[in-house]
């Protein structure tokens, strides 16, 4: 199933996902996970918040998210 995420540009060629606490581990930075959406339109609505904050759409993008599964 396709999922979508929002990325923010920090500097040239440096993009990060908008994240949320995974609920495991105690709130450490390595316990974060990308905020995921089941539809691109839902992710675009969420991205509007960030586009407004940065006053420019070039620094915010919606991308298809490929979740890696580690076993």
PDB file of N, CA and C in Angstrom:
ATOM      1  N   UNK A   1       0.827  -1.178   0.000  1.00  0.00           N
ATOM      2  CA  UNK A   1       0.000   0.000   0.000  1.00  0.00           C
ATOM      3  C   UNK A   1       0.881   1.254   0.000  1.00  0.00           C
ATOM      4  N   UNK A   2       0.572   2.183  -0.875  1.00  0.00           N
ATOM      5  CA  UNK A   2       1.342   3.419  -0.942  1.00  0.00           C
ATOM      6  C   UNK A   2       1.065   4.283   0.283  1.00  0.00           C
ATOM      7  N   UNK A   3       2.116   4.919   0.776  1.00  0.00           N
ATOM      8  CA  UNK A   3       1.992   5.897   1.852  1.00  0.00           C
ATOM      9  C   UNK A   3       2.750   7.139   1.426  1.00  0.00           C
ATOM     10  N   UNK A   4       2.377   8.258   2.020  1.00  0.00           N
ATOM     11  CA  UNK A   4       2.980   9.534   1.661  1.00  0.00           C
ATOM     12  C   UNK A   4       3.476  10.236   2.913  1.00  0.00           C
ATOM     13  N   UNK A   5       4.523  11.020   2.735  1.00  0.00           N
ATOM     14  CA  UNK A   5       5.125  11.761   3.841  1.00  0.00           C
ATOM     15  C   UNK A   5       5.462  13.170   3.366  1.00  0.00           C
ATOM     16  N   UNK A   6       5.733  14.042   4.336  1.00  0.00           N
ATOM     17  CA  UNK A   6       6.112  15.418   4.038  1.00  0.00           C
ATOM     18  C   UNK A   6       7.583  15.592   4.391  1.00  0.00           C
ATOM     19  N   UNK A   7       8.336  16.198   3.473  1.00  0.00           N
ATOM     20  CA  UNK A   7       9.752  16.480   3.705  1.00  0.00           C
ATOM     21  C   UNK A   7       9.975  17.985   3.681  1.00  0.00           C
ATOM     22  N   UNK A   8      10.925  18.429   4.510  1.00  0.00           N
ATOM     23  CA  UNK A   8      11.282  19.844   4.594  1.00  0.00           C
ATOM     24  C   UNK A   8      12.760  19.983   4.256  1.00  0.00           C
ATOM     25  N   UNK A   9      13.068  20.992   3.469  1.00  0.00           N
ATOM     26  CA  UNK A   9      14.438  21.252   3.051  1.00  0.00           C
ATOM     27  C   UNK A   9      15.156  22.103   4.093  1.00  0.00           C
ATOM     28  N   UNK A  10      16.232  21.565   4.654  1.00  0.00           N
ATOM     29  CA  UNK A  10      17.016  22.300   5.645  1.00  0.00           C
ATOM     30  C   UNK A  10      18.101  23.136   4.987  1.00  0.00           C
ATOM     31  N   UNK A  11      18.725  22.577   3.961  1.00  0.00           N
ATOM     32  CA  UNK A  11      19.753  23.271   3.194  1.00  0.00           C
ATOM     33  C   UNK A  11      19.884  22.542   1.858  1.00  0.00           C
ATOM     34  N   UNK A  12      20.790  22.972   1.025  1.00  0.00           N
ATOM     35  CA  UNK A  12      20.947  22.370  -0.293  1.00  0.00           C
ATOM     36  C   UNK A  12      21.132  20.854  -0.167  1.00  0.00           C
ATOM     37  N   UNK A  13      20.282  20.111  -0.838  1.00  0.00           N
ATOM     38  CA  UNK A  13      20.335  18.639  -0.849  1.00  0.00           C
ATOM     39  C   UNK A  13      20.217  18.001   0.532  1.00  0.00           C
ATOM     40  N   UNK A  14      19.567  18.662   1.473  1.00  0.00           N
ATOM     41  CA  UNK A  14      19.392  18.129   2.824  1.00  0.00           C
ATOM     42  C   UNK A  14      17.919  18.218   3.211  1.00  0.00           C
ATOM     43  N   UNK A  15      17.217  17.120   3.025  1.00  0.00           N
ATOM     44  CA  UNK A  15      15.789  17.039   3.309  1.00  0.00           C
ATOM     45  C   UNK A  15      15.549  16.118   4.494  1.00  0.00           C
ATOM     46  N   UNK A  16      14.584  16.489   5.345  1.00  0.00           N
ATOM     47  CA  UNK A  16      14.189  15.623   6.459  1.00  0.00           C
ATOM     48  C   UNK A  16      12.678  15.421   6.425  1.00  0.00           C
ATOM     49  N   UNK A  17      12.237  14.283   6.951  1.00  0.00           N
ATOM     50  CA  UNK A  17      10.812  14.022   7.078  1.00  0.00           C
ATOM     51  C   UNK A  17      10.254  14.771   8.279  1.00  0.00           C
ATOM     52  N   UNK A  18       8.995  15.208   8.174  1.00  0.00           N
ATOM     53  CA  UNK A  18       8.275  15.685   9.344  1.00  0.00           C
ATOM     54  C   UNK A  18       7.982  14.430  10.167  1.00  0.00           C
ATOM     55  N   UNK A  19       8.331  14.468  11.444  1.00  0.00           N
ATOM     56  CA  UNK A  19       8.249  13.260  12.273  1.00  0.00           C
ATOM     57  C   UNK A  19       7.318  13.440  13.464  1.00  0.00           C
ATOM     58  N   UNK A  20       7.058  12.295  14.109  1.00  0.00           N
ATOM     59  CA  UNK A  20       6.284  12.249  15.345  1.00  0.00           C
ATOM     60  C   UNK A  20       6.903  11.186  16.241  1.00  0.00           C
ATOM     61  N   UNK A  21       6.577  11.230  17.505  1.00  0.00           N
ATOM     62  CA  UNK A  21       7.082  10.246  18.452  1.00  0.00           C
ATOM     63  C   UNK A  21       6.496   8.878  18.121  1.00  0.00           C
ATOM     64  N   UNK A  22       7.316   7.856  18.119  1.00  0.00           N
ATOM     65  CA  UNK A  22       6.855   6.509  17.795  1.00  0.00           C
ATOM     66  C   UNK A  22       6.090   5.861  18.944  1.00  0.00           C
ATOM     67  N   UNK A  23       6.189   6.453  20.139  1.00  0.00           N
ATOM     68  CA  UNK A  23       5.486   5.896  21.288  1.00  0.00           C
ATOM     69  C   UNK A  23       6.259   4.804  22.007  1.00  0.00           C
ATOM     70  N   UNK A  24       7.475   4.536  21.546  1.00  0.00           N
ATOM     71  CA  UNK A  24       8.302   3.541  22.211  1.00  0.00           C
ATOM     72  C   UNK A  24       9.627   4.181  22.603  1.00  0.00           C
ATOM     73  N   UNK A  25      10.166   3.801  23.701  1.00  0.00           N
ATOM     74  CA  UNK A  25      11.510   4.232  24.049  1.00  0.00           C
ATOM     75  C   UNK A  25      11.645   5.394  24.999  1.00  0.00           C
ATOM     76  N   UNK A  26      10.694   6.269  25.105  1.00  0.00           N
ATOM     77  CA  UNK A  26      10.816   7.349  26.069  1.00  0.00           C
ATOM     78  C   UNK A  26      11.087   8.718  25.489  1.00  0.00           C
ATOM     79  N   UNK A  27      10.754   8.930  24.233  1.00  0.00           N
ATOM     80  CA  UNK A  27      10.843  10.258  23.655  1.00  0.00           C
ATOM     81  C   UNK A  27      12.220  10.694  23.192  1.00  0.00           C
ATOM     82  N   UNK A  28      13.102   9.759  22.927  1.00  0.00           N
ATOM     83  CA  UNK A  28      14.425  10.103  22.408  1.00  0.00           C
ATOM     84  C   UNK A  28      14.352  10.414  20.920  1.00  0.00           C
ATOM     85  N   UNK A  29      15.347  11.129  20.418  1.00  0.00           N
ATOM     86  CA  UNK A  29      15.339  11.518  19.004  1.00  0.00           C
ATOM     87  C   UNK A  29      15.367  10.308  18.074  1.00  0.00           C
ATOM     88  N   UNK A  30      15.901   9.194  18.501  1.00  0.00           N
ATOM     89  CA  UNK A  30      15.947   8.002  17.655  1.00  0.00           C
ATOM     90  C   UNK A  30      14.643   7.215  17.713  1.00  0.00           C
ATOM     91  N   UNK A  31      13.675   7.696  18.509  1.00  0.00           N
ATOM     92  CA  UNK A  31      12.363   7.053  18.600  1.00  0.00           C
ATOM     93  C   UNK A  31      11.327   7.737  17.712  1.00  0.00           C
ATOM     94  N   UNK A  32      11.770   8.603  16.815  1.00  0.00           N
ATOM     95  CA  UNK A  32      10.854   9.315  15.938  1.00  0.00           C
ATOM     96  C   UNK A  32      10.577   8.511  14.681  1.00  0.00           C
ATOM     97  N   UNK A  33       9.403   8.751  14.111  1.00  0.00           N
ATOM     98  CA  UNK A  33       9.039   8.112  12.845  1.00  0.00           C
ATOM     99  C   UNK A  33       8.370   9.160  11.971  1.00  0.00           C
ATOM    100  N   UNK A  34       8.437   9.003  10.657  1.00  0.00           N
ATOM    101  CA  UNK A  34       7.785   9.970   9.773  1.00  0.00           C
ATOM    102  C   UNK A  34       6.268   9.969   9.973  1.00  0.00           C
ATOM    103  N   UNK A  35       5.674  11.144   9.866  1.00  0.00           N
ATOM    104  CA  UNK A  35       4.211  11.244   9.853  1.00  0.00           C
ATOM    105  C   UNK A  35       3.777  10.738   8.484  1.00  0.00           C
ATOM    106  N   UNK A  36       2.946   9.695   8.454  1.00  0.00           N
ATOM    107  CA  UNK A  36       2.547   9.064   7.194  1.00  0.00           C
ATOM    108  C   UNK A  36       1.059   9.249   6.921  1.00  0.00           C
ATOM    109  N   UNK A  37       0.733   9.295   5.639  1.00  0.00           N
ATOM    110  CA  UNK A  37      -0.640   9.481   5.188  1.00  0.00           C
ATOM    111  C   UNK A  37      -0.972   8.431   4.143  1.00  0.00           C
ATOM    112  N   UNK A  38      -2.240   8.016   4.099  1.00  0.00           N
ATOM    113  CA  UNK A  38      -2.643   6.987   3.139  1.00  0.00           C
ATOM    114  C   UNK A  38      -2.951   7.567   1.763  1.00  0.00           C
ATOM    115  N   UNK A  39      -3.165   8.878   1.689  1.00  0.00           N
ATOM    116  CA  UNK A  39      -3.420   9.482   0.381  1.00  0.00           C
ATOM    117  C   UNK A  39      -2.527  10.699   0.188  1.00  0.00           C
ATOM    118  N   UNK A  40      -2.217  10.949  -1.066  1.00  0.00           N
ATOM    119  CA  UNK A  40      -1.382  12.101  -1.393  1.00  0.00           C
ATOM    120  C   UNK A  40      -2.104  13.404  -1.065  1.00  0.00           C
ATOM    121  N   UNK A  41      -3.418  13.423  -1.280  1.00  0.00           N
ATOM    122  CA  UNK A  41      -4.176  14.645  -0.991  1.00  0.00           C
ATOM    123  C   UNK A  41      -4.196  14.963   0.503  1.00  0.00           C
ATOM    124  N   UNK A  42      -4.254  13.943   1.331  1.00  0.00           N
ATOM    125  CA  UNK A  42      -4.196  14.139   2.786  1.00  0.00           C
ATOM    126  C   UNK A  42      -2.826  14.710   3.185  1.00  0.00           C
ATOM    127  N   UNK A  43      -1.767  14.187   2.590  1.00  0.00           N
ATOM    128  CA  UNK A  43      -0.423  14.683   2.863  1.00  0.00           C
ATOM    129  C   UNK A  43      -0.267  16.126   2.370  1.00  0.00           C
ATOM    130  N   UNK A  44      -0.861  16.448   1.222  1.00  0.00           N
ATOM    131  CA  UNK A  44      -0.808  17.813   0.694  1.00  0.00           C
ATOM    132  C   UNK A  44      -1.509  18.795   1.632  1.00  0.00           C
ATOM    133  N   UNK A  45      -2.627  18.389   2.203  1.00  0.00           N
ATOM    134  CA  UNK A  45      -3.323  19.250   3.173  1.00  0.00           C
ATOM    135  C   UNK A  45      -2.434  19.519   4.381  1.00  0.00           C
ATOM    136  N   UNK A  46      -1.777  18.482   4.871  1.00  0.00           N
ATOM    137  CA  UNK A  46      -0.868  18.626   6.013  1.00  0.00           C
ATOM    138  C   UNK A  46       0.333  19.504   5.646  1.00  0.00           C
ATOM    139  N   UNK A  47       0.830  19.363   4.426  1.00  0.00           N
ATOM    140  CA  UNK A  47       1.995  20.130   3.976  1.00  0.00           C
ATOM    141  C   UNK A  47       1.696  21.624   3.902  1.00  0.00           C
ATOM    142  N   UNK A  48       0.439  21.992   3.717  1.00  0.00           N
ATOM    143  CA  UNK A  48       0.075  23.411   3.648  1.00  0.00           C
ATOM    144  C   UNK A  48       0.512  24.163   4.898  1.00  0.00           C
ATOM    145  N   UNK A  49       0.448  23.501   6.050  1.00  0.00           N
ATOM    146  CA  UNK A  49       0.882  24.118   7.310  1.00  0.00           C
ATOM    147  C   UNK A  49       2.341  24.520   7.203  1.00  0.00           C
ATOM    148  N   UNK A  50       3.164  23.632   6.690  1.00  0.00           N
ATOM    149  CA  UNK A  50       4.595  23.882   6.574  1.00  0.00           C
ATOM    150  C   UNK A  50       4.897  24.877   5.468  1.00  0.00           C
ATOM    151  N   UNK A  51       4.153  24.816   4.378  1.00  0.00           N
ATOM    152  CA  UNK A  51       4.364  25.784   3.288  1.00  0.00           C
ATOM    153  C   UNK A  51       4.050  27.200   3.756  1.00  0.00           C
ATOM    154  N   UNK A  52       3.003  27.321   4.557  1.00  0.00           N
ATOM    155  CA  UNK A  52       2.648  28.634   5.096  1.00  0.00           C
ATOM    156  C   UNK A  52       3.734  29.131   6.045  1.00  0.00           C
ATOM    157  N   UNK A  53       4.256  28.225   6.860  1.00  0.00           N
ATOM    158  CA  UNK A  53       5.297  28.587   7.819  1.00  0.00           C
ATOM    159  C   UNK A  53       6.557  29.086   7.117  1.00  0.00           C
ATOM    160  N   UNK A  54       6.926  28.443   6.023  1.00  0.00           N
ATOM    161  CA  UNK A  54       8.148  28.809   5.304  1.00  0.00           C
ATOM    162  C   UNK A  54       7.893  29.800   4.166  1.00  0.00           C
ATOM    163  N   UNK A  55       6.636  30.175   3.946  1.00  0.00           N
ATOM    164  CA  UNK A  55       6.258  31.152   2.927  1.00  0.00           C
ATOM    165  C   UNK A  55       6.720  30.796   1.520  1.00  0.00           C
ATOM    166  N   UNK A  56       6.988  29.546   1.285  1.00  0.00           N
ATOM    167  CA  UNK A  56       7.478  29.161  -0.034  1.00  0.00           C
ATOM    168  C   UNK A  56       7.384  27.643  -0.188  1.00  0.00           C
ATOM    169  N   UNK A  57       6.760  27.193  -1.242  1.00  0.00           N
ATOM    170  CA  UNK A  57       6.587  25.769  -1.461  1.00  0.00           C
ATOM    171  C   UNK A  57       7.840  25.022  -1.859  1.00  0.00           C
ATOM    172  N   UNK A  58       8.902  25.757  -2.226  1.00  0.00           N
ATOM    173  CA  UNK A  58      10.128  25.073  -2.662  1.00  0.00           C
ATOM    174  C   UNK A  58      10.789  24.290  -1.533  1.00  0.00           C
ATOM    175  N   UNK A  59      10.491  24.642  -0.293  1.00  0.00           N
ATOM    176  CA  UNK A  59      11.160  24.025   0.845  1.00  0.00           C
ATOM    177  C   UNK A  59      10.349  22.904   1.480  1.00  0.00           C
ATOM    178  N   UNK A  60       9.204  22.594   0.896  1.00  0.00           N
ATOM    179  CA  UNK A  60       8.332  21.551   1.425  1.00  0.00           C
ATOM    180  C   UNK A  60       7.845  20.701   0.265  1.00  0.00           C
ATOM    181  N   UNK A  61       7.913  19.375   0.425  1.00  0.00           N
ATOM    182  CA  UNK A  61       7.414  18.497  -0.625  1.00  0.00           C
ATOM    183  C   UNK A  61       6.738  17.273  -0.044  1.00  0.00           C
ATOM    184  N   UNK A  62       5.760  16.780  -0.777  1.00  0.00           N
ATOM    185  CA  UNK A  62       5.090  15.526  -0.441  1.00  0.00           C
ATOM    186  C   UNK A  62       5.730  14.451  -1.298  1.00  0.00           C
ATOM    187  N   UNK A  63       6.112  13.350  -0.654  1.00  0.00           N
ATOM    188  CA  UNK A  63       6.779  12.258  -1.366  1.00  0.00           C
ATOM    189  C   UNK A  63       6.120  10.927  -1.033  1.00  0.00           C
ATOM    190  N   UNK A  64       6.242   9.989  -1.957  1.00  0.00           N
ATOM    191  CA  UNK A  64       5.800   8.632  -1.658  1.00  0.00           C
ATOM    192  C   UNK A  64       6.827   8.023  -0.718  1.00  0.00           C
ATOM    193  N   UNK A  65       6.363   7.394   0.346  1.00  0.00           N
ATOM    194  CA  UNK A  65       7.255   6.873   1.376  1.00  0.00           C
ATOM    195  C   UNK A  65       7.392   5.365   1.231  1.00  0.00           C
ATOM    196  N   UNK A  66       8.618   4.916   1.149  1.00  0.00           N
ATOM    197  CA  UNK A  66       8.920   3.487   1.089  1.00  0.00           C
ATOM    198  C   UNK A  66       9.411   3.058   2.454  1.00  0.00           C
ATOM    199  N   UNK A  67       8.597   2.312   3.159  1.00  0.00           N
ATOM    200  CA  UNK A  67       8.954   1.894   4.507  1.00  0.00           C
ATOM    201  C   UNK A  67       9.884   0.688   4.445  1.00  0.00           C
ATOM    202  N   UNK A  68      11.010   0.829   5.134  1.00  0.00           N
ATOM    203  CA  UNK A  68      11.954  -0.279   5.214  1.00  0.00           C
ATOM    204  C   UNK A  68      11.580  -1.157   6.392  1.00  0.00           C
ATOM    205  N   UNK A  69      11.600  -2.446   6.168  1.00  0.00           N
ATOM    206  CA  UNK A  69      11.269  -3.391   7.239  1.00  0.00           C
ATOM    207  C   UNK A  69      12.521  -4.158   7.592  1.00  0.00           C
ATOM    208  N   UNK A  70      12.914  -4.014   8.837  1.00  0.00           N
ATOM    209  CA  UNK A  70      14.101  -4.713   9.335  1.00  0.00           C
ATOM    210  C   UNK A  70      13.664  -5.936  10.125  1.00  0.00           C
ATOM    211  N   UNK A  71      14.315  -7.041   9.860  1.00  0.00           N
ATOM    212  CA  UNK A  71      13.971  -8.266  10.596  1.00  0.00           C
ATOM    213  C   UNK A  71      15.189  -8.830  11.264  1.00  0.00           C
TER     214      UNK A  71
END
